[in-house]
Amino acid sequence: MNENSKYIYFDHSATTPVLPDVVKVIDDCFTTYYGNASEPHSPGIKAGEILEHSREIIGKSLGANSKEIIFTGGGTESDNLAIIGAAEAYKKKGNHIITSEIEHPAVHMPLKKLSRCGFKITYIPVDRFGMVDPSDIQKSITSKTILVTIMHANNIVGTIQPIGEIGKILKEHDIVFHTDAVQTFTNIKTDVNKLNIDLLSLSGHKIYGPKGVGALYIRKGTRIMPQILGGGHERGIRSGTENIPGIAGLAKAAEIGQRNLSDKTIKVTKMRDYLISGVLSKIDDVKLNGHPSERLPGNCNFSFKYIEGESIVLKLDYAGIAASSGSACSSSSSKPSHTLVAMGLSNEEAHGSLRITLGFENTKEEIDYFLEVIQKIISDLRRISPLCKNKVN
């Protein structure tokens, strides 16, 4: 452990700590404002007011109307509702959907389900930086295309996609456009109207809010078939008694996240670049994955030759630092990251990857400690690596 015995958290793309002000709002909803928002009595009315105020906060943060916000159980549910819901709503118009090769499993899995139901899925490749070319989407559009789903920024390498350009193309063709903005919401400015987005997914636990709650932006006029049926909550699009504590916590986290967004982005970006520069200058046989500039403020993804990322993560944990060797959402898989493979990395390079994702609460001192520790870890692991020994021989 480091000398101060303070555990350092560098895995913000996986989840974030819940802010104290968010905890306070959640606690109030559990203990004081605990009514069912569907009931007409005073506790229910107060819960309903919290629900609608939260909807207004999320809508405002996206440049949207509050009536265009539907609350869900998280980013995965939002993705599923958007993709399957839109596909079912527009299936009489066509059966073709376009996506990228590097989407999150919460997008790829519902698309696989739809492919078994007669829908045709086109997977757009990415370049070596993990970037989608809008012209590839343009070329893939057919008379049967009803939906395009491209993530706003990749959760593994942090590359920010040209969503504005893609949205403009799709608006001209009157095609529904969905983006998974789980990684970008409150990290970079996101305006659904400027970007021509019709459906947008977001999650609470990625923005210093609670787990188990998310939201889906649905542009007025965009049709969605409900996937959870019941009492007709959320205008009949997502039934189930609203999770008022979670929703209020999500809204509070979003409200805080939007404050001084530009200043926080600049601060985290400077720390990111300092860390990247330190790793590349102090360690041999390492490469940065993802776009050099069009990337999330806190994302650093490296491939270290001759060793496995999982071993690095375990060594870092012992030293008091949390990091990731890939996507926490599919960490049970021993397969290399599909994102890195799609970018052209070999299986060996993908297995040797390490993802560091910073938050606004991280400090330069923490990064300095990491840079000191990571050099020794890489040196020690390479010393016992058969791959490194083969290189020497």
Foldseek 3Di string as FASTA:
>chain_A
DPPVPAFAEFALLQFDAADPVLVVLLVCCVPPLVDFCVDPDDSNVVLVVLLQVLLCLVQVLQQHHSLQKFKFQFQLVLLLQVVVFLQVVCVVQAQEEEEELADDCSNVVSVVVSVVVPHHYHYAFAALQLEGDLVSVVVPDDSRAAEYEYAQAGSFQFFGYLLQSNLVSCVVVVHAYEYECQQPQLQDRHHCVSSNHQKYWYGQRSQSFDHRMIMMGGHPPRGTDADDQDDCPSVNNYDDGDPSSRSSSSSVSSVVSNPVSVVLLVQLQVLQVVLQVLPVVLDPQKDWHHDPPNGGSFKTKMFHPLFFQVQLQVQVVVVSYHWDLGHPVPVVDPFFNSSNVSSPDDSRRSRRMIIGGDGSPDDSVVSVVVSVSSSVSSVVRLVPGPRNVVVVD
